[in-house]
Amino acid sequence: MDNQEILKQYISQTLLNGRMQVEADDDLLGEEIIDSMGVMQLVAFVEDKFGCDVPQSDIIITNFRTIKAIDGYLAKRSL
């Protein structure tokens, strides 16, 4: 399972309690799919699952707007 699938599964099952499925291009924040508390839970999940520390300065819309953006952020962090 790739990073995007892992993120989709986590968001759909945990943050949304299975109410809906999200896609890689869905605007998680602009479409109010998740709220600010959801973002913090997502950041904690990313840190735990992918073993990377996410500094406060990196918790910005650009990095967490979509699943693709999160995946891109993870790719940059692993360089």
PDB file of N, CA and C in Angstrom:
ATOM      1  N   MET A   1       0.852  -1.177   0.000  1.00  0.00           N
ATOM      2  CA  MET A   1       0.000   0.000   0.000  1.00  0.00           C
ATOM      3  C   MET A   1       0.899   1.242   0.000  1.00  0.00           C
ATOM      4  N   ASP A   2       0.637   2.168  -0.912  1.00  0.00           N
ATOM      5  CA  ASP A   2       1.467   3.372  -0.982  1.00  0.00           C
ATOM      6  C   ASP A   2       0.976   4.425   0.024  1.00  0.00           C
ATOM      7  N   ASN A   3       1.755   5.491   0.160  1.00  0.00           N
ATOM      8  CA  ASN A   3       1.445   6.541   1.141  1.00  0.00           C
ATOM      9  C   ASN A   3       0.058   7.130   0.952  1.00  0.00           C
ATOM     10  N   GLN A   4      -0.327   7.389  -0.299  1.00  0.00           N
ATOM     11  CA  GLN A   4      -1.636   7.993  -0.548  1.00  0.00           C
ATOM     12  C   GLN A   4      -2.769   7.073  -0.094  1.00  0.00           C
ATOM     13  N   GLU A   5      -2.636   5.795  -0.334  1.00  0.00           N
ATOM     14  CA  GLU A   5      -3.665   4.840   0.096  1.00  0.00           C
ATOM     15  C   GLU A   5      -3.735   4.760   1.623  1.00  0.00           C
ATOM     16  N   ILE A   6      -2.582   4.771   2.268  1.00  0.00           N
ATOM     17  CA  ILE A   6      -2.539   4.752   3.734  1.00  0.00           C
ATOM     18  C   ILE A   6      -3.245   5.989   4.288  1.00  0.00           C
ATOM     19  N   LEU A   7      -2.956   7.147   3.709  1.00  0.00           N
ATOM     20  CA  LEU A   7      -3.574   8.398   4.159  1.00  0.00           C
ATOM     21  C   LEU A   7      -5.079   8.402   3.899  1.00  0.00           C
ATOM     22  N   LYS A   8      -5.497   7.942   2.711  1.00  0.00           N
ATOM     23  CA  LYS A   8      -6.931   7.872   2.395  1.00  0.00           C
ATOM     24  C   LYS A   8      -7.661   7.004   3.404  1.00  0.00           C
ATOM     25  N   GLN A   9      -7.093   5.854   3.680  1.00  0.00           N
ATOM     26  CA  GLN A   9      -7.717   4.910   4.608  1.00  0.00           C
ATOM     27  C   GLN A   9      -7.822   5.524   6.007  1.00  0.00           C
ATOM     28  N   TYR A  10      -6.753   6.143   6.482  1.00  0.00           N
ATOM     29  CA  TYR A  10      -6.770   6.756   7.814  1.00  0.00           C
ATOM     30  C   TYR A  10      -7.816   7.855   7.901  1.00  0.00           C
ATOM     31  N   ILE A  11      -7.814   8.752   6.928  1.00  0.00           N
ATOM     32  CA  ILE A  11      -8.758   9.876   6.965  1.00  0.00           C
ATOM     33  C   ILE A  11     -10.193   9.372   6.901  1.00  0.00           C
ATOM     34  N   SER A  12     -10.477   8.480   5.970  1.00  0.00           N
ATOM     35  CA  SER A  12     -11.843   7.976   5.803  1.00  0.00           C
ATOM     36  C   SER A  12     -12.326   7.214   7.026  1.00  0.00           C
ATOM     37  N   GLN A  13     -11.490   6.311   7.534  1.00  0.00           N
ATOM     38  CA  GLN A  13     -11.934   5.436   8.613  1.00  0.00           C
ATOM     39  C   GLN A  13     -11.839   6.072   9.989  1.00  0.00           C
ATOM     40  N   THR A  14     -10.786   6.832  10.230  1.00  0.00           N
ATOM     41  CA  THR A  14     -10.567   7.361  11.573  1.00  0.00           C
ATOM     42  C   THR A  14     -11.127   8.763  11.754  1.00  0.00           C
ATOM     43  N   LEU A  15     -10.742   9.673  10.879  1.00  0.00           N
ATOM     44  CA  LEU A  15     -11.191  11.052  11.057  1.00  0.00           C
ATOM     45  C   LEU A  15     -12.650  11.248  10.654  1.00  0.00           C
ATOM     46  N   LEU A  16     -13.106  10.484   9.673  1.00  0.00           N
ATOM     47  CA  LEU A  16     -14.481  10.652   9.183  1.00  0.00           C
ATOM     48  C   LEU A  16     -15.394   9.516   9.619  1.00  0.00           C
ATOM     49  N   ASN A  17     -14.880   8.609  10.434  1.00  0.00           N
ATOM     50  CA  ASN A  17     -15.667   7.474  10.945  1.00  0.00           C
ATOM     51  C   ASN A  17     -16.409   6.728   9.847  1.00  0.00           C
ATOM     52  N   GLY A  18     -15.791   6.607   8.681  1.00  0.00           N
ATOM     53  CA  GLY A  18     -16.378   5.855   7.580  1.00  0.00           C
ATOM     54  C   GLY A  18     -17.539   6.535   6.891  1.00  0.00           C
ATOM     55  N   ARG A  19     -17.803   7.812   7.207  1.00  0.00           N
ATOM     56  CA  ARG A  19     -18.935   8.525   6.598  1.00  0.00           C
ATOM     57  C   ARG A  19     -18.745   8.777   5.112  1.00  0.00           C
ATOM     58  N   MET A  20     -17.498   8.910   4.692  1.00  0.00           N
ATOM     59  CA  MET A  20     -17.228   9.155   3.274  1.00  0.00           C
ATOM     60  C   MET A  20     -15.818   8.714   2.937  1.00  0.00           C
ATOM     61  N   GLN A  21     -15.599   8.480   1.648  1.00  0.00           N
ATOM     62  CA  GLN A  21     -14.275   8.151   1.144  1.00  0.00           C
ATOM     63  C   GLN A  21     -13.665   9.423   0.578  1.00  0.00           C
ATOM     64  N   VAL A  22     -12.404   9.619   0.800  1.00  0.00           N
ATOM     65  CA  VAL A  22     -11.719  10.774   0.240  1.00  0.00           C
ATOM     66  C   VAL A  22     -10.821  10.316  -0.898  1.00  0.00           C
ATOM     67  N   GLU A  23     -10.573  11.226  -1.801  1.00  0.00           N
ATOM     68  CA  GLU A  23      -9.690  10.973  -2.936  1.00  0.00           C
ATOM     69  C   GLU A  23      -8.441  11.830  -2.797  1.00  0.00           C
ATOM     70  N   ALA A  24      -7.421  11.500  -3.537  1.00  0.00           N
ATOM     71  CA  ALA A  24      -6.117  12.163  -3.425  1.00  0.00           C
ATOM     72  C   ALA A  24      -6.177  13.655  -3.716  1.00  0.00           C
ATOM     73  N   ASP A  25      -7.128  14.092  -4.554  1.00  0.00           N
ATOM     74  CA  ASP A  25      -7.227  15.505  -4.928  1.00  0.00           C
ATOM     75  C   ASP A  25      -8.276  16.277  -4.140  1.00  0.00           C
ATOM     76  N   ASP A  26      -9.003  15.628  -3.240  1.00  0.00           N
ATOM     77  CA  ASP A  26     -10.020  16.331  -2.458  1.00  0.00           C
ATOM     78  C   ASP A  26      -9.372  17.395  -1.591  1.00  0.00           C
ATOM     79  N   ASP A  27      -9.957  18.586  -1.575  1.00  0.00           N
ATOM     80  CA  ASP A  27      -9.467  19.689  -0.757  1.00  0.00           C
ATOM     81  C   ASP A  27      -9.964  19.474   0.673  1.00  0.00           C
ATOM     82  N   LEU A  28      -9.132  18.878   1.487  1.00  0.00           N
ATOM     83  CA  LEU A  28      -9.528  18.485   2.836  1.00  0.00           C
ATOM     84  C   LEU A  28      -9.943  19.667   3.696  1.00  0.00           C
ATOM     85  N   LEU A  29      -9.295  20.799   3.505  1.00  0.00           N
ATOM     86  CA  LEU A  29      -9.569  21.967   4.328  1.00  0.00           C
ATOM     87  C   LEU A  29     -10.606  22.884   3.687  1.00  0.00           C
ATOM     88  N   GLY A  30     -10.444  23.180   2.411  1.00  0.00           N
ATOM     89  CA  GLY A  30     -11.361  24.082   1.715  1.00  0.00           C
ATOM     90  C   GLY A  30     -12.771  23.533   1.624  1.00  0.00           C
ATOM     91  N   GLU A  31     -12.895  22.218   1.489  1.00  0.00           N
ATOM     92  CA  GLU A  31     -14.212  21.583   1.420  1.00  0.00           C
ATOM     93  C   GLU A  31     -14.700  21.171   2.807  1.00  0.00           C
ATOM     94  N   GLU A  32     -13.945  21.580   3.843  1.00  0.00           N
ATOM     95  CA  GLU A  32     -14.282  21.290   5.240  1.00  0.00           C
ATOM     96  C   GLU A  32     -14.507  19.806   5.503  1.00  0.00           C
ATOM     97  N   ILE A  33     -13.677  18.988   4.862  1.00  0.00           N
ATOM     98  CA  ILE A  33     -13.726  17.543   5.093  1.00  0.00           C
ATOM     99  C   ILE A  33     -13.172  17.249   6.484  1.00  0.00           C
ATOM    100  N   ILE A  34     -12.095  17.943   6.841  1.00  0.00           N
ATOM    101  CA  ILE A  34     -11.570  17.848   8.203  1.00  0.00           C
ATOM    102  C   ILE A  34     -11.410  19.261   8.764  1.00  0.00           C
ATOM    103  N   ASP A  35     -11.486  19.370  10.082  1.00  0.00           N
ATOM    104  CA  ASP A  35     -11.334  20.668  10.738  1.00  0.00           C
ATOM    105  C   ASP A  35      -9.935  20.785  11.342  1.00  0.00           C
ATOM    106  N   SER A  36      -9.701  21.835  12.101  1.00  0.00           N
ATOM    107  CA  SER A  36      -8.366  22.061  12.651  1.00  0.00           C
ATOM    108  C   SER A  36      -7.940  20.942  13.608  1.00  0.00           C
ATOM    109  N   MET A  37      -8.874  20.403  14.368  1.00  0.00           N
ATOM    110  CA  MET A  37      -8.543  19.282  15.244  1.00  0.00           C
ATOM    111  C   MET A  37      -8.168  18.056  14.408  1.00  0.00           C
ATOM    112  N   GLY A  38      -8.876  17.858  13.302  1.00  0.00           N
ATOM    113  CA  GLY A  38      -8.551  16.769  12.393  1.00  0.00           C
ATOM    114  C   GLY A  38      -7.162  16.919  11.802  1.00  0.00           C
ATOM    115  N   VAL A  39      -6.778  18.158  11.510  1.00  0.00           N
ATOM    116  CA  VAL A  39      -5.433  18.405  10.979  1.00  0.00           C
ATOM    117  C   VAL A  39      -4.387  17.985  12.006  1.00  0.00           C
ATOM    118  N   MET A  40      -4.618  18.335  13.264  1.00  0.00           N
ATOM    119  CA  MET A  40      -3.649  17.981  14.300  1.00  0.00           C
ATOM    120  C   MET A  40      -3.568  16.454  14.480  1.00  0.00           C
ATOM    121  N   GLN A  41      -4.714  15.773  14.385  1.00  0.00           N
ATOM    122  CA  GLN A  41      -4.706  14.311  14.459  1.00  0.00           C
ATOM    123  C   GLN A  41      -3.974  13.725  13.253  1.00  0.00           C
ATOM    124  N   LEU A  42      -4.178  14.326  12.097  1.00  0.00           N
ATOM    125  CA  LEU A  42      -3.513  13.873  10.876  1.00  0.00           C
ATOM    126  C   LEU A  42      -2.003  14.066  10.978  1.00  0.00           C
ATOM    127  N   VAL A  43      -1.581  15.201  11.509  1.00  0.00           N
ATOM    128  CA  VAL A  43      -0.144  15.457  11.695  1.00  0.00           C
ATOM    129  C   VAL A  43       0.452  14.415  12.640  1.00  0.00           C
ATOM    130  N   ALA A  44      -0.240  14.127  13.736  1.00  0.00           N
ATOM    131  CA  ALA A  44       0.252  13.117  14.683  1.00  0.00           C
ATOM    132  C   ALA A  44       0.353  11.748  14.008  1.00  0.00           C
ATOM    133  N   PHE A  45      -0.633  11.416  13.174  1.00  0.00           N
ATOM    134  CA  PHE A  45      -0.606  10.153  12.447  1.00  0.00           C
ATOM    135  C   PHE A  45       0.581  10.109  11.493  1.00  0.00           C
ATOM    136  N   VAL A  46       0.793  11.180  10.752  1.00  0.00           N
ATOM    137  CA  VAL A  46       1.912  11.249   9.797  1.00  0.00           C
ATOM    138  C   VAL A  46       3.238  11.059  10.536  1.00  0.00           C
ATOM    139  N   GLU A  47       3.379  11.743  11.661  1.00  0.00           N
ATOM    140  CA  GLU A  47       4.622  11.612  12.428  1.00  0.00           C
ATOM    141  C   GLU A  47       4.830  10.172  12.897  1.00  0.00           C
ATOM    142  N   ASP A  48       3.774   9.562  13.396  1.00  0.00           N
ATOM    143  CA  ASP A  48       3.874   8.201  13.914  1.00  0.00           C
ATOM    144  C   ASP A  48       4.064   7.172  12.802  1.00  0.00           C
ATOM    145  N   LYS A  49       3.218   7.221  11.797  1.00  0.00           N
ATOM    146  CA  LYS A  49       3.213   6.213  10.731  1.00  0.00           C
ATOM    147  C   LYS A  49       4.446   6.289   9.834  1.00  0.00           C
ATOM    148  N   PHE A  50       4.856   7.516   9.499  1.00  0.00           N
ATOM    149  CA  PHE A  50       5.939   7.695   8.534  1.00  0.00           C
ATOM    150  C   PHE A  50       7.267   8.079   9.196  1.00  0.00           C
ATOM    151  N   GLY A  51       7.266   8.173  10.534  1.00  0.00           N
ATOM    152  CA  GLY A  51       8.499   8.411  11.269  1.00  0.00           C
ATOM    153  C   GLY A  51       9.181   9.726  10.961  1.00  0.00           C
ATOM    154  N   CYS A  52       8.400  10.765  10.741  1.00  0.00           N
ATOM    155  CA  CYS A  52       9.020  12.064  10.480  1.00  0.00           C
ATOM    156  C   CYS A  52       8.430  13.100  11.430  1.00  0.00           C
ATOM    157  N   ASP A  53       9.295  13.948  11.952  1.00  0.00           N
ATOM    158  CA  ASP A  53       8.824  15.040  12.793  1.00  0.00           C
ATOM    159  C   ASP A  53       8.320  16.153  11.894  1.00  0.00           C
ATOM    160  N   VAL A  54       7.137  16.668  12.201  1.00  0.00           N
ATOM    161  CA  VAL A  54       6.556  17.769  11.434  1.00  0.00           C
ATOM    162  C   VAL A  54       6.634  19.014  12.303  1.00  0.00           C
ATOM    163  N   PRO A  55       7.570  19.920  11.991  1.00  0.00           N
ATOM    164  CA  PRO A  55       7.673  21.134  12.795  1.00  0.00           C
ATOM    165  C   PRO A  55       6.426  22.017  12.610  1.00  0.00           C
ATOM    166  N   GLN A  56       6.130  22.821  13.617  1.00  0.00           N
ATOM    167  CA  GLN A  56       4.969  23.720  13.558  1.00  0.00           C
ATOM    168  C   GLN A  56       4.978  24.557  12.283  1.00  0.00           C
ATOM    169  N   SER A  57       6.157  24.991  11.865  1.00  0.00           N
ATOM    170  CA  SER A  57       6.262  25.849  10.681  1.00  0.00           C
ATOM    171  C   SER A  57       5.841  25.129   9.400  1.00  0.00           C
ATOM    172  N   ASP A  58       5.794  23.798   9.416  1.00  0.00           N
ATOM    173  CA  ASP A  58       5.395  23.024   8.242  1.00  0.00           C
ATOM    174  C   ASP A  58       3.899  22.703   8.221  1.00  0.00           C
ATOM    175  N   ILE A  59       3.192  23.021   9.304  1.00  0.00           N
ATOM    176  CA  ILE A  59       1.757  22.739   9.359  1.00  0.00           C
ATOM    177  C   ILE A  59       1.026  23.915   8.719  1.00  0.00           C
ATOM    178  N   ILE A  60       1.066  23.903   7.383  1.00  0.00           N
ATOM    179  CA  ILE A  60       0.446  24.970   6.596  1.00  0.00           C
ATOM    180  C   ILE A  60      -0.458  24.346   5.531  1.00  0.00           C
ATOM    181  N   ILE A  61      -1.358  25.149   5.019  1.00  0.00           N
ATOM    182  CA  ILE A  61      -2.335  24.659   4.046  1.00  0.00           C
ATOM    183  C   ILE A  61      -1.649  23.998   2.860  1.00  0.00           C
ATOM    184  N   THR A  62      -0.570  24.576   2.379  1.00  0.00           N
ATOM    185  CA  THR A  62       0.120  24.031   1.214  1.00  0.00           C
ATOM    186  C   THR A  62       0.520  22.572   1.411  1.00  0.00           C
ATOM    187  N   ASN A  63       0.934  22.218   2.606  1.00  0.00           N
ATOM    188  CA  ASN A  63       1.414  20.858   2.876  1.00  0.00           C
ATOM    189  C   ASN A  63       0.306  19.875   3.212  1.00  0.00           C
ATOM    190  N   PHE A  64      -0.854  20.362   3.672  1.00  0.00           N
ATOM    191  CA  PHE A  64      -1.897  19.464   4.168  1.00  0.00           C
ATOM    192  C   PHE A  64      -3.264  19.664   3.513  1.00  0.00           C
ATOM    193  N   ARG A  65      -3.316  20.378   2.402  1.00  0.00           N
ATOM    194  CA  ARG A  65      -4.597  20.636   1.738  1.00  0.00           C
ATOM    195  C   ARG A  65      -5.208  19.367   1.138  1.00  0.00           C
ATOM    196  N   THR A  66      -4.381  18.552   0.490  1.00  0.00           N
ATOM    197  CA  THR A  66      -4.858  17.322  -0.161  1.00  0.00           C
ATOM    198  C   THR A  66      -3.953  16.154   0.223  1.00  0.00           C
ATOM    199  N   ILE A  67      -4.417  14.974  -0.063  1.00  0.00           N
ATOM    200  CA  ILE A  67      -3.598  13.784   0.185  1.00  0.00           C
ATOM    201  C   ILE A  67      -2.355  13.822  -0.703  1.00  0.00           C
ATOM    202  N   LYS A  68      -2.509  14.295  -1.928  1.00  0.00           N
ATOM    203  CA  LYS A  68      -1.346  14.424  -2.818  1.00  0.00           C
ATOM    204  C   LYS A  68      -0.320  15.397  -2.237  1.00  0.00           C
ATOM    205  N   ALA A  69      -0.807  16.486  -1.649  1.00  0.00           N
ATOM    206  CA  ALA A  69       0.099  17.475  -1.050  1.00  0.00           C
ATOM    207  C   ALA A  69       0.854  16.864   0.130  1.00  0.00           C
ATOM    208  N   ILE A  70       0.157  16.084   0.945  1.00  0.00           N
ATOM    209  CA  ILE A  70       0.806  15.430   2.090  1.00  0.00           C
ATOM    210  C   ILE A  70       1.862  14.444   1.581  1.00  0.00           C
ATOM    211  N   ASP A  71       1.513  13.688   0.554  1.00  0.00           N
ATOM    212  CA  ASP A  71       2.460  12.740  -0.030  1.00  0.00           C
ATOM    213  C   ASP A  71       3.686  13.471  -0.578  1.00  0.00           C
ATOM    214  N   GLY A  72       3.479  14.586  -1.239  1.00  0.00           N
ATOM    215  CA  GLY A  72       4.596  15.396  -1.733  1.00  0.00           C
ATOM    216  C   GLY A  72       5.456  15.935  -0.597  1.00  0.00           C
ATOM    217  N   TYR A  73       4.805  16.356   0.464  1.00  0.00           N
ATOM    218  CA  TYR A  73       5.530  16.842   1.637  1.00  0.00           C
ATOM    219  C   TYR A  73       6.398  15.716   2.209  1.00  0.00           C
ATOM    220  N   LEU A  74       5.834  14.530   2.328  1.00  0.00           N
ATOM    221  CA  LEU A  74       6.591  13.393   2.849  1.00  0.00           C
ATOM    222  C   LEU A  74       7.789  13.070   1.957  1.00  0.00           C
ATOM    223  N   ALA A  75       7.587  13.162   0.643  1.00  0.00           N
ATOM    224  CA  ALA A  75       8.686  12.900  -0.300  1.00  0.00           C
ATOM    225  C   ALA A  75       9.817  13.914  -0.102  1.00  0.00           C
ATOM    226  N   LYS A  76       9.467  15.183   0.090  1.00  0.00           N
ATOM    227  CA  LYS A  76      10.491  16.210   0.319  1.00  0.00           C
ATOM    228  C   LYS A  76      11.216  15.984   1.630  1.00  0.00           C
ATOM    229  N   ARG A  77      10.498  15.558   2.657  1.00  0.00           N
ATOM    230  CA  ARG A  77      11.089  15.340   3.974  1.00  0.00           C
ATOM    231  C   ARG A  77      12.065  14.170   3.972  1.00  0.00           C
ATOM    232  N   SER A  78      11.839  13.216   3.075  1.00  0.00           N
ATOM    233  CA  SER A  78      12.696  12.020   3.066  1.00  0.00           C
ATOM    234  C   SER A  78      13.971  12.218   2.259  1.00  0.00           C
ATOM    235  N   LEU A  79      14.121  13.363   1.624  1.00  0.00           N
ATOM    236  CA  LEU A  79      15.342  13.628   0.828  1.00  0.00           C
ATOM    237  C   LEU A  79      16.529  13.909   1.708  1.00  0.00           C
TER     238      LEU A  79
END
